Amino acid sequence: MATVRFTYALKRFFPDLKEESINASTVSELLDVLESNYTGLKGYVVDERGRLRKHVNIYINNTHVKDEDALSDRLTDGCAVYIMQALSGG
């Protein structure tokens, strides 16, 4: 199982987000499970082609995902996944 954490800024759009453990073998599978728990989250993270959106970053054990197109990066038991949106402003 992977432990998934989110930036606080994502709670503005999904107020019920919380750290949780999810059984998934890839980042794509993990997002499918998250979508079933938080409707609309996957559409916020990936575009209509299933690619990681430019304003979102995903890290696995502090390493940025390598496959931003298919999100096929493998998840290992006990890994930590961090999903965050880029913040900007002035």
Protein backbone atom coordinates (compact mmCIF):
# COMPACT_ATOMS: atom_id res chain seq x y z
CA MET A 1 0.00 0.00 0.00
CA ALA A 2 1.08 3.54 -0.72
CA THR A 3 0.50 6.40 1.69
CA VAL A 4 -0.91 9.40 -0.17
CA ARG A 5 -0.57 12.96 1.08
CA PHE A 6 -1.88 16.19 -0.42
CA THR A 7 -0.94 19.85 -0.18
CA TYR A 8 -3.21 21.96 1.93
CA ALA A 9 -4.04 24.09 -1.12
CA LEU A 10 -5.90 21.17 -2.71
CA LYS A 11 -8.33 21.17 0.22
CA ARG A 12 -9.78 24.38 -1.17
CA PHE A 13 -11.22 22.31 -4.01
CA PHE A 14 -11.60 19.01 -2.12
CA PRO A 15 -12.23 19.82 1.56
CA ASP A 16 -12.55 16.16 2.60
CA LEU A 17 -9.05 15.18 1.40
CA LYS A 18 -7.04 13.32 3.97
CA GLU A 19 -3.91 11.22 4.10
CA GLU A 20 -4.73 7.62 3.39
CA SER A 21 -3.22 4.29 2.41
CA ILE A 22 -4.19 2.96 -1.01
CA ASN A 23 -3.48 -0.37 -2.66
CA ALA A 24 -2.31 0.40 -6.21
CA SER A 25 0.64 -0.69 -8.36
CA THR A 26 0.98 2.49 -10.49
CA VAL A 27 0.27 6.19 -10.13
CA SER A 28 -2.53 5.85 -12.68
CA GLU A 29 -4.24 3.12 -10.62
CA LEU A 30 -3.82 5.23 -7.49
CA LEU A 31 -5.60 8.14 -9.19
CA ASP A 32 -8.47 5.84 -10.19
CA VAL A 33 -8.94 4.84 -6.55
CA LEU A 34 -8.72 8.46 -5.41
CA GLU A 35 -11.34 9.44 -8.01
CA SER A 36 -13.76 6.92 -6.51
CA ASN A 37 -13.19 8.50 -3.08
CA TYR A 38 -13.07 12.16 -4.21
CA THR A 39 -15.15 12.75 -7.31
CA GLY A 40 -13.45 15.20 -9.66
CA LEU A 41 -9.96 14.89 -8.20
CA LYS A 42 -8.55 12.92 -11.13
CA GLY A 43 -9.80 15.56 -13.58
CA TYR A 44 -8.00 18.18 -11.56
CA VAL A 45 -4.73 16.20 -11.59
CA VAL A 46 -4.71 14.96 -15.21
CA ASP A 47 -5.90 16.48 -18.48
CA GLU A 48 -8.38 15.01 -20.98
CA ARG A 49 -5.60 12.78 -22.39
CA GLY A 50 -4.70 11.41 -18.96
CA ARG A 51 -1.45 13.38 -18.75
CA LEU A 52 -0.32 15.14 -15.60
CA ARG A 53 -1.46 18.77 -15.70
CA LYS A 54 1.25 21.43 -15.74
CA HIS A 55 0.09 22.95 -12.46
CA VAL A 56 0.21 19.63 -10.58
CA ASN A 57 3.21 17.66 -9.33
CA ILE A 58 3.34 14.12 -8.00
CA TYR A 59 6.27 12.77 -6.01
CA ILE A 60 7.00 9.18 -5.02
CA ASN A 61 9.37 9.01 -2.05
CA ASN A 62 10.53 12.58 -2.80
CA THR A 63 11.22 11.85 -6.48
CA HIS A 64 9.10 13.51 -9.18
CA VAL A 65 7.16 11.03 -11.34
CA LYS A 66 9.06 10.18 -14.50
CA ASP A 67 6.11 9.25 -16.74
CA GLU A 68 3.92 12.37 -16.88
CA ASP A 69 2.02 11.03 -19.90
CA ALA A 70 0.73 7.60 -18.82
CA LEU A 71 1.55 7.85 -15.10
CA SER A 72 2.94 4.32 -15.21
CA ASP A 73 5.50 4.89 -12.43
CA ARG A 74 5.43 1.84 -10.16
CA LEU A 75 4.42 2.09 -6.53
CA THR A 76 6.00 -0.17 -3.95
CA ASP A 77 4.58 -1.30 -0.66
CA GLY A 78 5.14 1.39 1.95
CA CYS A 79 6.01 4.18 -0.48
CA ALA A 80 4.90 7.75 0.10
CA VAL A 81 3.09 9.63 -2.67
CA TYR A 82 2.68 13.40 -2.45
CA ILE A 83 0.25 15.23 -4.75
CA MET A 84 0.56 18.98 -4.92
CA GLN A 85 -0.55 21.86 -7.05
CA ALA A 86 1.84 24.58 -8.11
CA LEU A 87 1.12 27.90 -6.47
CA SER A 88 1.63 31.25 -8.11
CA GLY A 89 0.68 34.80 -7.50
CA GLY A 90 2.12 38.14 -6.84
